[in-house]
Amino acid sequence: MNQKIFEQLKQIVRDYLGDDKIGINEDSILTDDLGLSSLDLISIVGSVEDAFNIEVQDKDVAEIRMIKDVVDYIEKKQKA
């Protein structure tokens, strides 16, 4: 897993949640562990697209459950 992407993604989520102390690891489940709703995910996707200069397809969002899934997705999109 790309540590640089992971750290940047953690900061995006922390900024969105307004909590710099929230524990986020690669296995954190976006909805269950971090308490993100589908509306929250849409907002975070916009931040991820801007930060990493990628486009996230709506159909792909449904398949992303954990932080490591997001990191893998970003890596894959940046290599394409």
PDB file of N, CA and C in Angstrom:
ATOM      1  N   MET A   1       0.843  -1.179   0.000  1.00  0.00           N
ATOM      2  CA  MET A   1       0.000   0.000   0.000  1.00  0.00           C
ATOM      3  C   MET A   1       0.888   1.242   0.000  1.00  0.00           C
ATOM      4  N   ASN A   2       0.477   2.201  -0.786  1.00  0.00           N
ATOM      5  CA  ASN A   2       1.229   3.447  -0.918  1.00  0.00           C
ATOM      6  C   ASN A   2       1.026   4.311   0.333  1.00  0.00           C
ATOM      7  N   GLN A   3       2.077   4.460   1.118  1.00  0.00           N
ATOM      8  CA  GLN A   3       1.992   5.187   2.390  1.00  0.00           C
ATOM      9  C   GLN A   3       1.685   6.672   2.200  1.00  0.00           C
ATOM     10  N   LYS A   4       2.225   7.265   1.141  1.00  0.00           N
ATOM     11  CA  LYS A   4       1.991   8.692   0.887  1.00  0.00           C
ATOM     12  C   LYS A   4       0.506   8.941   0.594  1.00  0.00           C
ATOM     13  N   ILE A   5      -0.085   8.107  -0.249  1.00  0.00           N
ATOM     14  CA  ILE A   5      -1.509   8.234  -0.556  1.00  0.00           C
ATOM     15  C   ILE A   5      -2.325   7.998   0.713  1.00  0.00           C
ATOM     16  N   PHE A   6      -1.952   6.987   1.489  1.00  0.00           N
ATOM     17  CA  PHE A   6      -2.655   6.658   2.726  1.00  0.00           C
ATOM     18  C   PHE A   6      -2.664   7.844   3.681  1.00  0.00           C
ATOM     19  N   GLU A   7      -1.518   8.469   3.892  1.00  0.00           N
ATOM     20  CA  GLU A   7      -1.425   9.606   4.810  1.00  0.00           C
ATOM     21  C   GLU A   7      -2.260  10.787   4.321  1.00  0.00           C
ATOM     22  N   GLN A   8      -2.212  11.041   3.026  1.00  0.00           N
ATOM     23  CA  GLN A   8      -2.975  12.152   2.468  1.00  0.00           C
ATOM     24  C   GLN A   8      -4.478  11.872   2.577  1.00  0.00           C
ATOM     25  N   LEU A   9      -4.877  10.628   2.324  1.00  0.00           N
ATOM     26  CA  LEU A   9      -6.281  10.243   2.435  1.00  0.00           C
ATOM     27  C   LEU A   9      -6.774  10.355   3.876  1.00  0.00           C
ATOM     28  N   LYS A  10      -5.949   9.913   4.830  1.00  0.00           N
ATOM     29  CA  LYS A  10      -6.323  10.045   6.239  1.00  0.00           C
ATOM     30  C   LYS A  10      -6.592  11.504   6.587  1.00  0.00           C
ATOM     31  N   GLN A  11      -5.754  12.401   6.083  1.00  0.00           N
ATOM     32  CA  GLN A  11      -5.937  13.820   6.391  1.00  0.00           C
ATOM     33  C   GLN A  11      -7.213  14.362   5.757  1.00  0.00           C
ATOM     34  N   ILE A  12      -7.537  13.915   4.556  1.00  0.00           N
ATOM     35  CA  ILE A  12      -8.786  14.336   3.903  1.00  0.00           C
ATOM     36  C   ILE A  12      -9.981  13.922   4.759  1.00  0.00           C
ATOM     37  N   VAL A  13      -9.980  12.672   5.223  1.00  0.00           N
ATOM     38  CA  VAL A  13     -11.089  12.173   6.043  1.00  0.00           C
ATOM     39  C   VAL A  13     -11.147  12.912   7.377  1.00  0.00           C
ATOM     40  N   ARG A  14      -9.992  13.106   7.998  1.00  0.00           N
ATOM     41  CA  ARG A  14      -9.959  13.827   9.277  1.00  0.00           C
ATOM     42  C   ARG A  14     -10.446  15.261   9.126  1.00  0.00           C
ATOM     43  N   ASP A  15     -10.026  15.929   8.051  1.00  0.00           N
ATOM     44  CA  ASP A  15     -10.482  17.298   7.802  1.00  0.00           C
ATOM     45  C   ASP A  15     -11.988  17.322   7.604  1.00  0.00           C
ATOM     46  N   TYR A  16     -12.496  16.354   6.859  1.00  0.00           N
ATOM     47  CA  TYR A  16     -13.940  16.306   6.616  1.00  0.00           C
ATOM     48  C   TYR A  16     -14.709  16.095   7.913  1.00  0.00           C
ATOM     49  N   LEU A  17     -14.222  15.187   8.734  1.00  0.00           N
ATOM     50  CA  LEU A  17     -14.900  14.874   9.988  1.00  0.00           C
ATOM     51  C   LEU A  17     -14.648  15.922  11.067  1.00  0.00           C
ATOM     52  N   GLY A  18     -13.629  16.765  10.847  1.00  0.00           N
ATOM     53  CA  GLY A  18     -13.294  17.789  11.830  1.00  0.00           C
ATOM     54  C   GLY A  18     -12.691  17.208  13.094  1.00  0.00           C
ATOM     55  N   ASP A  19     -11.978  16.089  12.948  1.00  0.00           N
ATOM     56  CA  ASP A  19     -11.402  15.396  14.107  1.00  0.00           C
ATOM     57  C   ASP A  19     -10.007  14.878  13.755  1.00  0.00           C
ATOM     58  N   ASP A  20      -8.985  15.603  14.188  1.00  0.00           N
ATOM     59  CA  ASP A  20      -7.604  15.205  13.885  1.00  0.00           C
ATOM     60  C   ASP A  20      -7.140  13.999  14.692  1.00  0.00           C
ATOM     61  N   LYS A  21      -7.915  13.587  15.673  1.00  0.00           N
ATOM     62  CA  LYS A  21      -7.478  12.498  16.543  1.00  0.00           C
ATOM     63  C   LYS A  21      -8.155  11.164  16.231  1.00  0.00           C
ATOM     64  N   ILE A  22      -9.089  11.168  15.273  1.00  0.00           N
ATOM     65  CA  ILE A  22      -9.804   9.932  14.958  1.00  0.00           C
ATOM     66  C   ILE A  22      -8.828   8.883  14.426  1.00  0.00           C
ATOM     67  N   GLY A  23      -8.960   7.674  14.937  1.00  0.00           N
ATOM     68  CA  GLY A  23      -8.088   6.586  14.513  1.00  0.00           C
ATOM     69  C   GLY A  23      -8.505   6.039  13.161  1.00  0.00           C
ATOM     70  N   ILE A  24      -7.601   6.120  12.219  1.00  0.00           N
ATOM     71  CA  ILE A  24      -7.856   5.613  10.879  1.00  0.00           C
ATOM     72  C   ILE A  24      -6.702   4.702  10.509  1.00  0.00           C
ATOM     73  N   ASN A  25      -7.037   3.464  10.151  1.00  0.00           N
ATOM     74  CA  ASN A  25      -6.005   2.558   9.649  1.00  0.00           C
ATOM     75  C   ASN A  25      -6.464   1.996   8.318  1.00  0.00           C
ATOM     76  N   GLU A  26      -5.620   1.199   7.697  1.00  0.00           N
ATOM     77  CA  GLU A  26      -5.927   0.712   6.346  1.00  0.00           C
ATOM     78  C   GLU A  26      -7.170  -0.177   6.307  1.00  0.00           C
ATOM     79  N   ASP A  27      -7.521  -0.806   7.423  1.00  0.00           N
ATOM     80  CA  ASP A  27      -8.687  -1.680   7.466  1.00  0.00           C
ATOM     81  C   ASP A  27      -9.945  -0.985   7.978  1.00  0.00           C
ATOM     82  N   SER A  28      -9.874   0.314   8.226  1.00  0.00           N
ATOM     83  CA  SER A  28     -11.051   1.056   8.687  1.00  0.00           C
ATOM     84  C   SER A  28     -12.142   0.994   7.621  1.00  0.00           C
ATOM     85  N   ILE A  29     -13.338   0.582   8.045  1.00  0.00           N
ATOM     86  CA  ILE A  29     -14.477   0.539   7.134  1.00  0.00           C
ATOM     87  C   ILE A  29     -15.120   1.925   7.151  1.00  0.00           C
ATOM     88  N   LEU A  30     -15.276   2.479   5.973  1.00  0.00           N
ATOM     89  CA  LEU A  30     -15.726   3.864   5.846  1.00  0.00           C
ATOM     90  C   LEU A  30     -17.045   4.124   6.559  1.00  0.00           C
ATOM     91  N   THR A  31     -18.014   3.243   6.392  1.00  0.00           N
ATOM     92  CA  THR A  31     -19.328   3.491   6.987  1.00  0.00           C
ATOM     93  C   THR A  31     -19.398   3.025   8.431  1.00  0.00           C
ATOM     94  N   ASP A  32     -18.905   1.845   8.719  1.00  0.00           N
ATOM     95  CA  ASP A  32     -19.039   1.282  10.066  1.00  0.00           C
ATOM     96  C   ASP A  32     -18.057   1.898  11.060  1.00  0.00           C
ATOM     97  N   ASP A  33     -16.776   1.867  10.736  1.00  0.00           N
ATOM     98  CA  ASP A  33     -15.752   2.332  11.670  1.00  0.00           C
ATOM     99  C   ASP A  33     -15.672   3.859  11.753  1.00  0.00           C
ATOM    100  N   LEU A  34     -15.846   4.510  10.605  1.00  0.00           N
ATOM    101  CA  LEU A  34     -15.693   5.968  10.570  1.00  0.00           C
ATOM    102  C   LEU A  34     -17.030   6.695  10.599  1.00  0.00           C
ATOM    103  N   GLY A  35     -18.117   5.954  10.475  1.00  0.00           N
ATOM    104  CA  GLY A  35     -19.446   6.541  10.586  1.00  0.00           C
ATOM    105  C   GLY A  35     -19.857   7.434   9.422  1.00  0.00           C
ATOM    106  N   LEU A  36     -19.270   7.191   8.257  1.00  0.00           N
ATOM    107  CA  LEU A  36     -19.585   8.022   7.100  1.00  0.00           C
ATOM    108  C   LEU A  36     -20.873   7.553   6.426  1.00  0.00           C
ATOM    109  N   SER A  37     -21.723   8.492   6.068  1.00  0.00           N
ATOM    110  CA  SER A  37     -22.948   8.180   5.328  1.00  0.00           C
ATOM    111  C   SER A  37     -22.640   8.228   3.833  1.00  0.00           C
ATOM    112  N   SER A  38     -23.609   7.845   3.022  1.00  0.00           N
ATOM    113  CA  SER A  38     -23.405   7.908   1.576  1.00  0.00           C
ATOM    114  C   SER A  38     -23.211   9.357   1.122  1.00  0.00           C
ATOM    115  N   LEU A  39     -23.872  10.287   1.783  1.00  0.00           N
ATOM    116  CA  LEU A  39     -23.693  11.707   1.474  1.00  0.00           C
ATOM    117  C   LEU A  39     -22.275  12.165   1.836  1.00  0.00           C
ATOM    118  N   ASP A  40     -21.776  11.688   2.980  1.00  0.00           N
ATOM    119  CA  ASP A  40     -20.398  11.994   3.373  1.00  0.00           C
ATOM    120  C   ASP A  40     -19.416  11.478   2.323  1.00  0.00           C
ATOM    121  N   LEU A  41     -19.663  10.266   1.854  1.00  0.00           N
ATOM    122  CA  LEU A  41     -18.765   9.657   0.868  1.00  0.00           C
ATOM    123  C   LEU A  41     -18.714  10.476  -0.414  1.00  0.00           C
ATOM    124  N   ILE A  42     -19.851  11.015  -0.830  1.00  0.00           N
ATOM    125  CA  ILE A  42     -19.876  11.848  -2.039  1.00  0.00           C
ATOM    126  C   ILE A  42     -19.002  13.078  -1.855  1.00  0.00           C
ATOM    127  N   SER A  43     -19.078  13.695  -0.705  1.00  0.00           N
ATOM    128  CA  SER A  43     -18.243  14.867  -0.425  1.00  0.00           C
ATOM    129  C   SER A  43     -16.767  14.499  -0.401  1.00  0.00           C
ATOM    130  N   ILE A  44     -16.450  13.390   0.239  1.00  0.00           N
ATOM    131  CA  ILE A  44     -15.055  12.956   0.328  1.00  0.00           C
ATOM    132  C   ILE A  44     -14.518  12.576  -1.048  1.00  0.00           C
ATOM    133  N   VAL A  45     -15.345  11.955  -1.875  1.00  0.00           N
ATOM    134  CA  VAL A  45     -14.926  11.600  -3.233  1.00  0.00           C
ATOM    135  C   VAL A  45     -14.507  12.861  -3.991  1.00  0.00           C
ATOM    136  N   GLY A  46     -15.259  13.936  -3.836  1.00  0.00           N
ATOM    137  CA  GLY A  46     -14.890  15.191  -4.491  1.00  0.00           C
ATOM    138  C   GLY A  46     -13.528  15.689  -4.038  1.00  0.00           C
ATOM    139  N   SER A  47     -13.265  15.584  -2.750  1.00  0.00           N
ATOM    140  CA  SER A  47     -11.957  15.998  -2.215  1.00  0.00           C
ATOM    141  C   SER A  47     -10.841  15.097  -2.727  1.00  0.00           C
ATOM    142  N   VAL A  48     -11.115  13.800  -2.809  1.00  0.00           N
ATOM    143  CA  VAL A  48     -10.126  12.837  -3.313  1.00  0.00           C
ATOM    144  C   VAL A  48      -9.833  13.131  -4.784  1.00  0.00           C
ATOM    145  N   GLU A  49     -10.872  13.397  -5.567  1.00  0.00           N
ATOM    146  CA  GLU A  49     -10.666  13.710  -6.983  1.00  0.00           C
ATOM    147  C   GLU A  49      -9.766  14.933  -7.143  1.00  0.00           C
ATOM    148  N   ASP A  50     -10.022  15.961  -6.349  1.00  0.00           N
ATOM    149  CA  ASP A  50      -9.214  17.183  -6.428  1.00  0.00           C
ATOM    150  C   ASP A  50      -7.778  16.944  -5.965  1.00  0.00           C
ATOM    151  N   ALA A  51      -7.626  16.259  -4.841  1.00  0.00           N
ATOM    152  CA  ALA A  51      -6.301  16.063  -4.249  1.00  0.00           C
ATOM    153  C   ALA A  51      -5.396  15.187  -5.110  1.00  0.00           C
ATOM    154  N   PHE A  52      -5.990  14.191  -5.750  1.00  0.00           N
ATOM    155  CA  PHE A  52      -5.175  13.227  -6.493  1.00  0.00           C
ATOM    156  C   PHE A  52      -5.312  13.360  -8.008  1.00  0.00           C
ATOM    157  N   ASN A  53      -6.081  14.371  -8.437  1.00  0.00           N
ATOM    158  CA  ASN A  53      -6.263  14.636  -9.860  1.00  0.00           C
ATOM    159  C   ASN A  53      -6.745  13.393 -10.616  1.00  0.00           C
ATOM    160  N   ILE A  54      -7.795  12.779 -10.088  1.00  0.00           N
ATOM    161  CA  ILE A  54      -8.395  11.610 -10.724  1.00  0.00           C
ATOM    162  C   ILE A  54      -9.900  11.829 -10.829  1.00  0.00           C
ATOM    163  N   GLU A  55     -10.553  10.966 -11.609  1.00  0.00           N
ATOM    164  CA  GLU A  55     -12.010  10.975 -11.684  1.00  0.00           C
ATOM    165  C   GLU A  55     -12.518   9.644 -11.149  1.00  0.00           C
ATOM    166  N   VAL A  56     -13.396   9.701 -10.185  1.00  0.00           N
ATOM    167  CA  VAL A  56     -13.961   8.500  -9.569  1.00  0.00           C
ATOM    168  C   VAL A  56     -15.335   8.248 -10.182  1.00  0.00           C
ATOM    169  N   GLN A  57     -15.501   7.066 -10.735  1.00  0.00           N
ATOM    170  CA  GLN A  57     -16.781   6.691 -11.332  1.00  0.00           C
ATOM    171  C   GLN A  57     -17.789   6.362 -10.236  1.00  0.00           C
ATOM    172  N   ASP A  58     -19.034   6.789 -10.421  1.00  0.00           N
ATOM    173  CA  ASP A  58     -20.082   6.535  -9.430  1.00  0.00           C
ATOM    174  C   ASP A  58     -20.225   5.044  -9.131  1.00  0.00           C
ATOM    175  N   LYS A  59     -20.137   4.214 -10.155  1.00  0.00           N
ATOM    176  CA  LYS A  59     -20.291   2.767  -9.967  1.00  0.00           C
ATOM    177  C   LYS A  59     -19.174   2.183  -9.106  1.00  0.00           C
ATOM    178  N   ASP A  60     -18.019   2.819  -9.105  1.00  0.00           N
ATOM    179  CA  ASP A  60     -16.885   2.315  -8.325  1.00  0.00           C
ATOM    180  C   ASP A  60     -17.038   2.612  -6.834  1.00  0.00           C
ATOM    181  N   VAL A  61     -17.732   3.693  -6.509  1.00  0.00           N
ATOM    182  CA  VAL A  61     -17.889   4.091  -5.110  1.00  0.00           C
ATOM    183  C   VAL A  61     -18.585   2.989  -4.312  1.00  0.00           C
ATOM    184  N   ALA A  62     -19.549   2.332  -4.906  1.00  0.00           N
ATOM    185  CA  ALA A  62     -20.297   1.276  -4.216  1.00  0.00           C
ATOM    186  C   ALA A  62     -19.422   0.081  -3.838  1.00  0.00           C
ATOM    187  N   GLU A  63     -18.331  -0.109  -4.548  1.00  0.00           N
ATOM    188  CA  GLU A  63     -17.447  -1.253  -4.299  1.00  0.00           C
ATOM    189  C   GLU A  63     -16.348  -0.947  -3.287  1.00  0.00           C
ATOM    190  N   ILE A  64     -16.213   0.305  -2.905  1.00  0.00           N
ATOM    191  CA  ILE A  64     -15.154   0.720  -1.986  1.00  0.00           C
ATOM    192  C   ILE A  64     -15.701   0.698  -0.564  1.00  0.00           C
ATOM    193  N   ARG A  65     -15.104  -0.134   0.295  1.00  0.00           N
ATOM    194  CA  ARG A  65     -15.592  -0.274   1.667  1.00  0.00           C
ATOM    195  C   ARG A  65     -14.594   0.209   2.714  1.00  0.00           C
ATOM    196  N   MET A  66     -13.309  -0.031   2.454  1.00  0.00           N
ATOM    197  CA  MET A  66     -12.280   0.262   3.448  1.00  0.00           C
ATOM    198  C   MET A  66     -11.294   1.299   2.921  1.00  0.00           C
ATOM    199  N   ILE A  67     -10.562   1.880   3.846  1.00  0.00           N
ATOM    200  CA  ILE A  67      -9.535   2.859   3.484  1.00  0.00           C
ATOM    201  C   ILE A  67      -8.552   2.262   2.477  1.00  0.00           C
ATOM    202  N   LYS A  68      -8.135   1.023   2.693  1.00  0.00           N
ATOM    203  CA  LYS A  68      -7.166   0.424   1.765  1.00  0.00           C
ATOM    204  C   LYS A  68      -7.759   0.270   0.370  1.00  0.00           C
ATOM    205  N   ASP A  69      -9.083   0.097   0.261  1.00  0.00           N
ATOM    206  CA  ASP A  69      -9.728   0.040  -1.054  1.00  0.00           C
ATOM    207  C   ASP A  69      -9.586   1.379  -1.770  1.00  0.00           C
ATOM    208  N   VAL A  70      -9.717   2.463  -1.025  1.00  0.00           N
ATOM    209  CA  VAL A  70      -9.585   3.799  -1.608  1.00  0.00           C
ATOM    210  C   VAL A  70      -8.147   4.019  -2.073  1.00  0.00           C
ATOM    211  N   VAL A  71      -7.181   3.638  -1.245  1.00  0.00           N
ATOM    212  CA  VAL A  71      -5.770   3.797  -1.604  1.00  0.00           C
ATOM    213  C   VAL A  71      -5.460   3.000  -2.870  1.00  0.00           C
ATOM    214  N   ASP A  72      -5.911   1.755  -2.918  1.00  0.00           N
ATOM    215  CA  ASP A  72      -5.686   0.911  -4.104  1.00  0.00           C
ATOM    216  C   ASP A  72      -6.332   1.526  -5.345  1.00  0.00           C
ATOM    217  N   TYR A  73      -7.528   2.047  -5.185  1.00  0.00           N
ATOM    218  CA  TYR A  73      -8.251   2.674  -6.298  1.00  0.00           C
ATOM    219  C   TYR A  73      -7.480   3.888  -6.819  1.00  0.00           C
ATOM    220  N   ILE A  74      -7.003   4.721  -5.913  1.00  0.00           N
ATOM    221  CA  ILE A  74      -6.251   5.914  -6.312  1.00  0.00           C
ATOM    222  C   ILE A  74      -4.987   5.511  -7.066  1.00  0.00           C
ATOM    223  N   GLU A  75      -4.262   4.532  -6.527  1.00  0.00           N
ATOM    224  CA  GLU A  75      -3.042   4.058  -7.189  1.00  0.00           C
ATOM    225  C   GLU A  75      -3.335   3.578  -8.609  1.00  0.00           C
ATOM    226  N   LYS A  76      -4.392   2.799  -8.744  1.00  0.00           N
ATOM    227  CA  LYS A  76      -4.774   2.247 -10.039  1.00  0.00           C
ATOM    228  C   LYS A  76      -5.129   3.365 -11.019  1.00  0.00           C
ATOM    229  N   LYS A  77      -5.888   4.358 -10.566  1.00  0.00           N
ATOM    230  CA  LYS A  77      -6.290   5.465 -11.422  1.00  0.00           C
ATOM    231  C   LYS A  77      -5.093   6.331 -11.836  1.00  0.00           C
ATOM    232  N   GLN A  78      -4.131   6.495 -10.934  1.00  0.00           N
ATOM    233  CA  GLN A  78      -2.966   7.326 -11.254  1.00  0.00           C
ATOM    234  C   GLN A  78      -2.049   6.627 -12.265  1.00  0.00           C
ATOM    235  N   LYS A  79      -2.060   5.321 -12.276  1.00  0.00           N
ATOM    236  CA  LYS A  79      -1.226   4.562 -13.223  1.00  0.00           C
ATOM    237  C   LYS A  79      -1.862   4.442 -14.595  1.00  0.00           C
ATOM    238  N   ALA A  80      -3.173   4.674 -14.658  1.00  0.00           N
ATOM    239  CA  ALA A  80      -3.897   4.522 -15.939  1.00  0.00           C
ATOM    240  C   ALA A  80      -3.607   5.664 -16.887  1.00  0.00           C
TER     241      ALA A  80
END
